[in-house]
PDB file of all heavy atoms in Angstrom:
ATOM      1  N   ILE A   1       0.857  -1.188   0.000  1.00  0.00           N
ATOM      2  CA  ILE A   1       0.000   0.000   0.000  1.00  0.00           C
ATOM      3  C   ILE A   1       0.889   1.232   0.000  1.00  0.00           C
ATOM      4  O   ILE A   1       1.951   1.252   0.631  1.00  0.00           O
ATOM      5  CB  ILE A   1      -0.964   0.003   1.207  1.00  0.00           C
ATOM      6  CG1 ILE A   1      -1.983   1.134   1.079  1.00  0.00           C
ATOM      7  CG2 ILE A   1      -0.204   0.080   2.533  1.00  0.00           C
ATOM      8  CD1 ILE A   1      -3.108   1.070   2.111  1.00  0.00           C
ATOM      9  N   SER A   2       0.450   2.251  -0.729  1.00  0.00           N
ATOM     10  CA  SER A   2       1.196   3.501  -0.764  1.00  0.00           C
ATOM     11  C   SER A   2       0.212   4.644  -0.967  1.00  0.00           C
ATOM     12  O   SER A   2      -0.947   4.426  -1.329  1.00  0.00           O
ATOM     13  CB  SER A   2       2.241   3.475  -1.878  1.00  0.00           C
ATOM     14  OG  SER A   2       1.624   3.329  -3.139  1.00  0.00           O
ATOM     15  N   ARG A   3       0.686   5.843  -0.717  1.00  0.00           N
ATOM     16  CA  ARG A   3      -0.176   7.008  -0.890  1.00  0.00           C
ATOM     17  C   ARG A   3       0.596   8.118  -1.570  1.00  0.00           C
ATOM     18  O   ARG A   3       1.797   8.296  -1.324  1.00  0.00           O
ATOM     19  CB  ARG A   3      -0.753   7.482   0.446  1.00  0.00           C
ATOM     20  CG  ARG A   3       0.260   7.880   1.490  1.00  0.00           C
ATOM     21  CD  ARG A   3      -0.376   7.992   2.869  1.00  0.00           C
ATOM     22  NE  ARG A   3      -1.267   9.132   2.977  1.00  0.00           N
ATOM     23  CZ  ARG A   3      -2.158   9.288   3.955  1.00  0.00           C
ATOM     24  NH1 ARG A   3      -2.273   8.356   4.894  1.00  0.00           N
ATOM     25  NH2 ARG A   3      -2.919  10.353   4.001  1.00  0.00           N
ATOM     26  N   ASP A   4      -0.094   8.844  -2.434  1.00  0.00           N
ATOM     27  CA  ASP A   4       0.474  10.006  -3.106  1.00  0.00           C
ATOM     28  C   ASP A   4      -0.383  11.201  -2.686  1.00  0.00           C
ATOM     29  O   ASP A   4      -1.462  11.422  -3.244  1.00  0.00           O
ATOM     30  CB  ASP A   4       0.464   9.804  -4.621  1.00  0.00           C
ATOM     31  CG  ASP A   4       1.159  10.922  -5.365  1.00  0.00           C
ATOM     32  OD1 ASP A   4       1.247  12.047  -4.814  1.00  0.00           O
ATOM     33  OD2 ASP A   4       1.590  10.692  -6.494  1.00  0.00           O
ATOM     34  N   ASN A   5       0.093  11.935  -1.709  1.00  0.00           N
ATOM     35  CA  ASN A   5      -0.701  13.044  -1.183  1.00  0.00           C
ATOM     36  C   ASN A   5      -0.954  14.117  -2.241  1.00  0.00           C
ATOM     37  O   ASN A   5      -1.998  14.765  -2.230  1.00  0.00           O
ATOM     38  CB  ASN A   5      -0.018  13.657   0.041  1.00  0.00           C
ATOM     39  CG  ASN A   5      -0.022  12.724   1.239  1.00  0.00           C
ATOM     40  OD1 ASN A   5      -0.851  11.805   1.320  1.00  0.00           O
ATOM     41  ND2 ASN A   5       0.905  12.924   2.156  1.00  0.00           N
ATOM     42  N   ALA A   6      -0.015  14.301  -3.138  1.00  0.00           N
ATOM     43  CA  ALA A   6      -0.170  15.327  -4.169  1.00  0.00           C
ATOM     44  C   ALA A   6      -1.321  14.992  -5.119  1.00  0.00           C
ATOM     45  O   ALA A   6      -1.961  15.896  -5.671  1.00  0.00           O
ATOM     46  CB  ALA A   6       1.126  15.488  -4.949  1.00  0.00           C
ATOM     47  N   LYS A   7      -1.572  13.710  -5.296  1.00  0.00           N
ATOM     48  CA  LYS A   7      -2.642  13.274  -6.186  1.00  0.00           C
ATOM     49  C   LYS A   7      -3.898  12.840  -5.422  1.00  0.00           C
ATOM     50  O   LYS A   7      -4.866  12.397  -6.043  1.00  0.00           O
ATOM     51  CB  LYS A   7      -2.161  12.117  -7.065  1.00  0.00           C
ATOM     52  CG  LYS A   7      -1.047  12.495  -8.026  1.00  0.00           C
ATOM     53  CD  LYS A   7      -0.657  11.318  -8.917  1.00  0.00           C
ATOM     54  CE  LYS A   7       0.416  11.730  -9.908  1.00  0.00           C
ATOM     55  NZ  LYS A   7       0.809  10.599 -10.799  1.00  0.00           N
ATOM     56  N   ASN A   8      -3.842  12.950  -4.104  1.00  0.00           N
ATOM     57  CA  ASN A   8      -4.979  12.516  -3.269  1.00  0.00           C
ATOM     58  C   ASN A   8      -5.393  11.092  -3.596  1.00  0.00           C
ATOM     59  O   ASN A   8      -6.586  10.770  -3.680  1.00  0.00           O
ATOM     60  CB  ASN A   8      -6.167  13.464  -3.427  1.00  0.00           C
ATOM     61  CG  ASN A   8      -5.857  14.858  -2.930  1.00  0.00           C
ATOM     62  OD1 ASN A   8      -5.124  15.020  -1.956  1.00  0.00           O
ATOM     63  ND2 ASN A   8      -6.380  15.857  -3.609  1.00  0.00           N
ATOM     64  N   THR A   9      -4.407  10.236  -3.748  1.00  0.00           N
ATOM     65  CA  THR A   9      -4.656   8.870  -4.200  1.00  0.00           C
ATOM     66  C   THR A   9      -3.877   7.879  -3.345  1.00  0.00           C
ATOM     67  O   THR A   9      -2.729   8.133  -2.986  1.00  0.00           O
ATOM     68  CB  THR A   9      -4.274   8.704  -5.679  1.00  0.00           C
ATOM     69  OG1 THR A   9      -5.048   9.616  -6.461  1.00  0.00           O
ATOM     70  CG2 THR A   9      -4.546   7.289  -6.166  1.00  0.00           C
ATOM     71  N   VAL A  10      -4.545   6.760  -3.058  1.00  0.00           N
ATOM     72  CA  VAL A  10      -3.911   5.649  -2.378  1.00  0.00           C
ATOM     73  C   VAL A  10      -3.893   4.465  -3.335  1.00  0.00           C
ATOM     74  O   VAL A  10      -4.870   4.242  -4.060  1.00  0.00           O
ATOM     75  CB  VAL A  10      -4.670   5.278  -1.087  1.00  0.00           C
ATOM     76  CG1 VAL A  10      -4.080   4.035  -0.437  1.00  0.00           C
ATOM     77  CG2 VAL A  10      -4.637   6.442  -0.109  1.00  0.00           C
ATOM     78  N   TYR A  11      -2.810   3.735  -3.301  1.00  0.00           N
ATOM     79  CA  TYR A  11      -2.632   2.611  -4.228  1.00  0.00           C
ATOM     80  C   TYR A  11      -2.486   1.300  -3.459  1.00  0.00           C
ATOM     81  O   TYR A  11      -2.029   1.281  -2.316  1.00  0.00           O
ATOM     82  CB  TYR A  11      -1.384   2.818  -5.086  1.00  0.00           C
ATOM     83  CG  TYR A  11      -1.388   4.080  -5.884  1.00  0.00           C
ATOM     84  CD1 TYR A  11      -0.697   5.211  -5.436  1.00  0.00           C
ATOM     85  CD2 TYR A  11      -2.077   4.163  -7.089  1.00  0.00           C
ATOM     86  CE1 TYR A  11      -0.689   6.386  -6.158  1.00  0.00           C
ATOM     87  CE2 TYR A  11      -2.082   5.338  -7.823  1.00  0.00           C
ATOM     88  CZ  TYR A  11      -1.385   6.442  -7.353  1.00  0.00           C
ATOM     89  OH  TYR A  11      -1.384   7.608  -8.083  1.00  0.00           O
ATOM     90  N   LEU A  12      -2.846   0.232  -4.127  1.00  0.00           N
ATOM     91  CA  LEU A  12      -2.579  -1.104  -3.610  1.00  0.00           C
ATOM     92  C   LEU A  12      -1.980  -1.919  -4.749  1.00  0.00           C
ATOM     93  O   LEU A  12      -2.682  -2.270  -5.697  1.00  0.00           O
ATOM     94  CB  LEU A  12      -3.845  -1.774  -3.080  1.00  0.00           C
ATOM     95  CG  LEU A  12      -3.628  -3.155  -2.457  1.00  0.00           C
ATOM     96  CD1 LEU A  12      -2.840  -3.032  -1.148  1.00  0.00           C
ATOM     97  CD2 LEU A  12      -4.962  -3.864  -2.207  1.00  0.00           C
ATOM     98  N   GLN A  13      -0.696  -2.166  -4.655  1.00  0.00           N
ATOM     99  CA  GLN A  13      -0.011  -3.014  -5.635  1.00  0.00           C
ATOM    100  C   GLN A  13      -0.133  -4.458  -5.161  1.00  0.00           C
ATOM    101  O   GLN A  13       0.301  -4.793  -4.056  1.00  0.00           O
ATOM    102  CB  GLN A  13       1.451  -2.622  -5.755  1.00  0.00           C
ATOM    103  CG  GLN A  13       2.254  -3.497  -6.713  1.00  0.00           C
ATOM    104  CD  GLN A  13       1.812  -3.363  -8.151  1.00  0.00           C
ATOM    105  OE1 GLN A  13       1.577  -2.253  -8.623  1.00  0.00           O
ATOM    106  NE2 GLN A  13       1.685  -4.488  -8.849  1.00  0.00           N
ATOM    107  N   MET A  14      -0.726  -5.292  -5.989  1.00  0.00           N
ATOM    108  CA  MET A  14      -0.947  -6.689  -5.633  1.00  0.00           C
ATOM    109  C   MET A  14      -0.183  -7.586  -6.597  1.00  0.00           C
ATOM    110  O   MET A  14      -0.415  -7.540  -7.817  1.00  0.00           O
ATOM    111  CB  MET A  14      -2.439  -7.030  -5.674  1.00  0.00           C
ATOM    112  CG  MET A  14      -3.294  -6.133  -4.786  1.00  0.00           C
ATOM    113  SD  MET A  14      -4.997  -6.693  -4.650  1.00  0.00           S
ATOM    114  CE  MET A  14      -5.553  -6.435  -6.334  1.00  0.00           C
ATOM    115  N   ASN A  15       0.722  -8.379  -6.067  1.00  0.00           N
ATOM    116  CA  ASN A  15       1.513  -9.311  -6.856  1.00  0.00           C
ATOM    117  C   ASN A  15       1.222 -10.745  -6.412  1.00  0.00           C
ATOM    118  O   ASN A  15       0.657 -10.968  -5.347  1.00  0.00           O
ATOM    119  CB  ASN A  15       3.004  -9.008  -6.687  1.00  0.00           C
ATOM    120  CG  ASN A  15       3.377  -7.614  -7.133  1.00  0.00           C
ATOM    121  OD1 ASN A  15       2.817  -7.071  -8.090  1.00  0.00           O
ATOM    122  ND2 ASN A  15       4.329  -7.012  -6.435  1.00  0.00           N
ATOM    123  N   SER A  16       1.634 -11.674  -7.222  1.00  0.00           N
ATOM    124  CA  SER A  16       1.471 -13.106  -6.906  1.00  0.00           C
ATOM    125  C   SER A  16       0.035 -13.412  -6.488  1.00  0.00           C
ATOM    126  O   SER A  16      -0.208 -14.083  -5.473  1.00  0.00           O
ATOM    127  CB  SER A  16       2.443 -13.510  -5.794  1.00  0.00           C
ATOM    128  OG  SER A  16       3.786 -13.243  -6.169  1.00  0.00           O
ATOM    129  N   LEU A  17      -0.898 -12.931  -7.264  1.00  0.00           N
ATOM    130  CA  LEU A  17      -2.308 -13.099  -6.909  1.00  0.00           C
ATOM    131  C   LEU A  17      -2.726 -14.559  -6.964  1.00  0.00           C
ATOM    132  O   LEU A  17      -2.250 -15.335  -7.804  1.00  0.00           O
ATOM    133  CB  LEU A  17      -3.182 -12.246  -7.817  1.00  0.00           C
ATOM    134  CG  LEU A  17      -3.160 -10.751  -7.469  1.00  0.00           C
ATOM    135  CD1 LEU A  17      -3.646  -9.919  -8.642  1.00  0.00           C
ATOM    136  CD2 LEU A  17      -4.011 -10.483  -6.236  1.00  0.00           C
ATOM    137  N   LYS A  18      -3.633 -14.897  -6.054  1.00  0.00           N
ATOM    138  CA  LYS A  18      -4.145 -16.261  -5.938  1.00  0.00           C
ATOM    139  C   LYS A  18      -5.663 -16.260  -6.152  1.00  0.00           C
ATOM    140  O   LYS A  18      -6.314 -15.226  -5.938  1.00  0.00           O
ATOM    141  CB  LYS A  18      -3.841 -16.804  -4.546  1.00  0.00           C
ATOM    142  CG  LYS A  18      -2.390 -16.731  -4.129  1.00  0.00           C
ATOM    143  CD  LYS A  18      -2.216 -17.174  -2.686  1.00  0.00           C
ATOM    144  CE  LYS A  18      -0.769 -17.051  -2.227  1.00  0.00           C
ATOM    145  NZ  LYS A  18      -0.603 -17.466  -0.810  1.00  0.00           N
ATOM    146  N   PRO A  19      -6.221 -17.378  -6.519  1.00  0.00           N
ATOM    147  CA  PRO A  19      -7.695 -17.428  -6.671  1.00  0.00           C
ATOM    148  C   PRO A  19      -8.433 -16.976  -5.416  1.00  0.00           C
ATOM    149  O   PRO A  19      -9.503 -16.362  -5.515  1.00  0.00           O
ATOM    150  CB  PRO A  19      -7.955 -18.902  -6.992  1.00  0.00           C
ATOM    151  CG  PRO A  19      -6.704 -19.351  -7.675  1.00  0.00           C
ATOM    152  CD  PRO A  19      -5.591 -18.620  -6.980  1.00  0.00           C
ATOM    153  N   GLU A  20      -7.871 -17.258  -4.262  1.00  0.00           N
ATOM    154  CA  GLU A  20      -8.524 -16.857  -3.010  1.00  0.00           C
ATOM    155  C   GLU A  20      -8.481 -15.356  -2.751  1.00  0.00           C
ATOM    156  O   GLU A  20      -9.090 -14.869  -1.798  1.00  0.00           O
ATOM    157  CB  GLU A  20      -7.940 -17.606  -1.814  1.00  0.00           C
ATOM    158  CG  GLU A  20      -6.431 -17.567  -1.734  1.00  0.00           C
ATOM    159  CD  GLU A  20      -5.768 -18.785  -2.334  1.00  0.00           C
ATOM    160  OE1 GLU A  20      -6.191 -19.229  -3.431  1.00  0.00           O
ATOM    161  OE2 GLU A  20      -4.801 -19.304  -1.705  1.00  0.00           O
ATOM    162  N   ASP A  21      -7.779 -14.619  -3.595  1.00  0.00           N
ATOM    163  CA  ASP A  21      -7.794 -13.155  -3.502  1.00  0.00           C
ATOM    164  C   ASP A  21      -9.004 -12.553  -4.217  1.00  0.00           C
ATOM    165  O   ASP A  21      -9.223 -11.341  -4.157  1.00  0.00           O
ATOM    166  CB  ASP A  21      -6.517 -12.565  -4.102  1.00  0.00           C
ATOM    167  CG  ASP A  21      -5.278 -12.920  -3.301  1.00  0.00           C
ATOM    168  OD1 ASP A  21      -5.325 -12.866  -2.055  1.00  0.00           O
ATOM    169  OD2 ASP A  21      -4.250 -13.249  -3.931  1.00  0.00           O
ATOM    170  N   THR A  22      -9.768 -13.388  -4.875  1.00  0.00           N
ATOM    171  CA  THR A  22     -10.963 -12.909  -5.568  1.00  0.00           C
ATOM    172  C   THR A  22     -11.954 -12.304  -4.586  1.00  0.00           C
ATOM    173  O   THR A  22     -12.336 -12.949  -3.605  1.00  0.00           O
ATOM    174  CB  THR A  22     -11.634 -14.065  -6.334  1.00  0.00           C
ATOM    175  OG1 THR A  22     -10.740 -14.511  -7.362  1.00  0.00           O
ATOM    176  CG2 THR A  22     -12.952 -13.622  -6.959  1.00  0.00           C
ATOM    177  N   ALA A  23     -12.334 -11.057  -4.825  1.00  0.00           N
ATOM    178  CA  ALA A  23     -13.222 -10.338  -3.918  1.00  0.00           C
ATOM    179  C   ALA A  23     -13.506  -8.958  -4.497  1.00  0.00           C
ATOM    180  O   ALA A  23     -12.879  -8.543  -5.477  1.00  0.00           O
ATOM    181  CB  ALA A  23     -12.581 -10.188  -2.534  1.00  0.00           C
ATOM    182  N   VAL A  24     -14.434  -8.270  -3.861  1.00  0.00           N
ATOM    183  CA  VAL A  24     -14.612  -6.846  -4.120  1.00  0.00           C
ATOM    184  C   VAL A  24     -13.697  -6.102  -3.146  1.00  0.00           C
ATOM    185  O   VAL A  24     -13.729  -6.356  -1.932  1.00  0.00           O
ATOM    186  CB  VAL A  24     -16.067  -6.394  -3.933  1.00  0.00           C
ATOM    187  CG1 VAL A  24     -16.191  -4.892  -4.162  1.00  0.00           C
ATOM    188  CG2 VAL A  24     -16.984  -7.157  -4.884  1.00  0.00           C
ATOM    189  N   TYR A  25     -12.891  -5.229  -3.684  1.00  0.00           N
ATOM    190  CA  TYR A  25     -11.932  -4.464  -2.877  1.00  0.00           C
ATOM    191  C   TYR A  25     -12.473  -3.048  -2.665  1.00  0.00           C
ATOM    192  O   TYR A  25     -12.838  -2.361  -3.629  1.00  0.00           O
ATOM    193  CB  TYR A  25     -10.578  -4.440  -3.563  1.00  0.00           C
ATOM    194  CG  TYR A  25      -9.835  -5.750  -3.422  1.00  0.00           C
ATOM    195  CD1 TYR A  25     -10.285  -6.901  -4.076  1.00  0.00           C
ATOM    196  CD2 TYR A  25      -8.708  -5.864  -2.615  1.00  0.00           C
ATOM    197  CE1 TYR A  25      -9.639  -8.118  -3.929  1.00  0.00           C
ATOM    198  CE2 TYR A  25      -8.041  -7.074  -2.471  1.00  0.00           C
ATOM    199  CZ  TYR A  25      -8.517  -8.195  -3.124  1.00  0.00           C
ATOM    200  OH  TYR A  25      -7.863  -9.403  -2.975  1.00  0.00           O
ATOM    201  N   TYR A  26     -12.489  -2.635  -1.418  1.00  0.00           N
ATOM    202  CA  TYR A  26     -13.039  -1.333  -1.040  1.00  0.00           C
ATOM    203  C   TYR A  26     -11.957  -0.434  -0.449  1.00  0.00           C
ATOM    204  O   TYR A  26     -11.138  -0.883   0.355  1.00  0.00           O
ATOM    205  CB  TYR A  26     -14.136  -1.500   0.012  1.00  0.00           C
ATOM    206  CG  TYR A  26     -15.340  -2.258  -0.447  1.00  0.00           C
ATOM    207  CD1 TYR A  26     -15.429  -3.634  -0.279  1.00  0.00           C
ATOM    208  CD2 TYR A  26     -16.410  -1.597  -1.055  1.00  0.00           C
ATOM    209  CE1 TYR A  26     -16.552  -4.338  -0.692  1.00  0.00           C
ATOM    210  CE2 TYR A  26     -17.536  -2.295  -1.466  1.00  0.00           C
ATOM    211  CZ  TYR A  26     -17.589  -3.661  -1.287  1.00  0.00           C
ATOM    212  OH  TYR A  26     -18.706  -4.354  -1.704  1.00  0.00           O
ATOM    213  N   CYS A  27     -12.017   0.820  -0.833  1.00  0.00           N
ATOM    214  CA  CYS A  27     -11.149   1.828  -0.234  1.00  0.00           C
ATOM    215  C   CYS A  27     -11.852   2.415   0.984  1.00  0.00           C
ATOM    216  O   CYS A  27     -13.079   2.597   0.984  1.00  0.00           O
ATOM    217  CB  CYS A  27     -10.861   2.913  -1.262  1.00  0.00           C
ATOM    218  SG  CYS A  27      -9.764   4.226  -0.677  1.00  0.00           S
ATOM    219  N   ASN A  28     -11.079   2.719   1.992  1.00  0.00           N
ATOM    220  CA  ASN A  28     -11.623   3.269   3.236  1.00  0.00           C
ATOM    221  C   ASN A  28     -10.784   4.445   3.695  1.00  0.00           C
ATOM    222  O   ASN A  28      -9.562   4.434   3.576  1.00  0.00           O
ATOM    223  CB  ASN A  28     -11.635   2.185   4.314  1.00  0.00           C
ATOM    224  CG  ASN A  28     -11.972   2.739   5.692  1.00  0.00           C
ATOM    225  OD1 ASN A  28     -11.073   3.098   6.465  1.00  0.00           O
ATOM    226  ND2 ASN A  28     -13.240   2.800   5.994  1.00  0.00           N
ATOM    227  N   ALA A  29     -11.479   5.453   4.227  1.00  0.00           N
ATOM    228  CA  ALA A  29     -10.794   6.585   4.854  1.00  0.00           C
ATOM    229  C   ALA A  29     -11.357   6.776   6.258  1.00  0.00           C
ATOM    230  O   ALA A  29     -12.570   6.829   6.431  1.00  0.00           O
ATOM    231  CB  ALA A  29     -10.975   7.854   4.037  1.00  0.00           C
ATOM    232  N   ASP A  30     -10.476   6.820   7.220  1.00  0.00           N
ATOM    233  CA  ASP A  30     -10.849   7.075   8.618  1.00  0.00           C
ATOM    234  C   ASP A  30     -10.493   8.521   8.908  1.00  0.00           C
ATOM    235  O   ASP A  30      -9.310   8.858   9.021  1.00  0.00           O
ATOM    236  CB  ASP A  30     -10.094   6.122   9.535  1.00  0.00           C
ATOM    237  CG  ASP A  30     -10.335   6.407  11.014  1.00  0.00           C
ATOM    238  OD1 ASP A  30     -10.984   7.413  11.340  1.00  0.00           O
ATOM    239  OD2 ASP A  30      -9.854   5.615  11.837  1.00  0.00           O
ATOM    240  N   ILE A  31     -11.526   9.351   9.008  1.00  0.00           N
ATOM    241  CA  ILE A  31     -11.305  10.780   9.230  1.00  0.00           C
ATOM    242  C   ILE A  31     -11.890  11.120  10.595  1.00  0.00           C
ATOM    243  O   ILE A  31     -13.105  11.230  10.753  1.00  0.00           O
ATOM    244  CB  ILE A  31     -11.943  11.623   8.120  1.00  0.00           C
ATOM    245  CG1 ILE A  31     -11.390  11.184   6.763  1.00  0.00           C
ATOM    246  CG2 ILE A  31     -11.680  13.106   8.360  1.00  0.00           C
ATOM    247  CD1 ILE A  31     -12.031  11.892   5.579  1.00  0.00           C
ATOM    248  N   TRP A  32     -11.011  11.217  11.553  1.00  0.00           N
ATOM    249  CA  TRP A  32     -11.394  11.545  12.932  1.00  0.00           C
ATOM    250  C   TRP A  32     -12.512  10.648  13.442  1.00  0.00           C
ATOM    251  O   TRP A  32     -13.494  11.128  14.018  1.00  0.00           O
ATOM    252  CB  TRP A  32     -11.782  13.023  13.043  1.00  0.00           C
ATOM    253  CG  TRP A  32     -10.642  13.925  12.696  1.00  0.00           C
ATOM    254  CD1 TRP A  32     -10.511  14.693  11.595  1.00  0.00           C
ATOM    255  CD2 TRP A  32      -9.432  14.111  13.446  1.00  0.00           C
ATOM    256  NE1 TRP A  32      -9.316  15.366  11.604  1.00  0.00           N
ATOM    257  CE2 TRP A  32      -8.619  15.039  12.718  1.00  0.00           C
ATOM    258  CE3 TRP A  32      -8.939  13.602  14.658  1.00  0.00           C
ATOM    259  CZ2 TRP A  32      -7.371  15.453  13.174  1.00  0.00           C
ATOM    260  CZ3 TRP A  32      -7.692  14.020  15.108  1.00  0.00           C
ATOM    261  CH2 TRP A  32      -6.917  14.927  14.367  1.00  0.00           C
TER     262      TRP A  32
END
């Protein structure tokens, strides 16, 4: 996981993916 504050974007680089990684992926922000 990484974040680029200048672009207001968070990334998730996923390698070596497996069938069990199949899912809906959700972004979350915890603001106070």
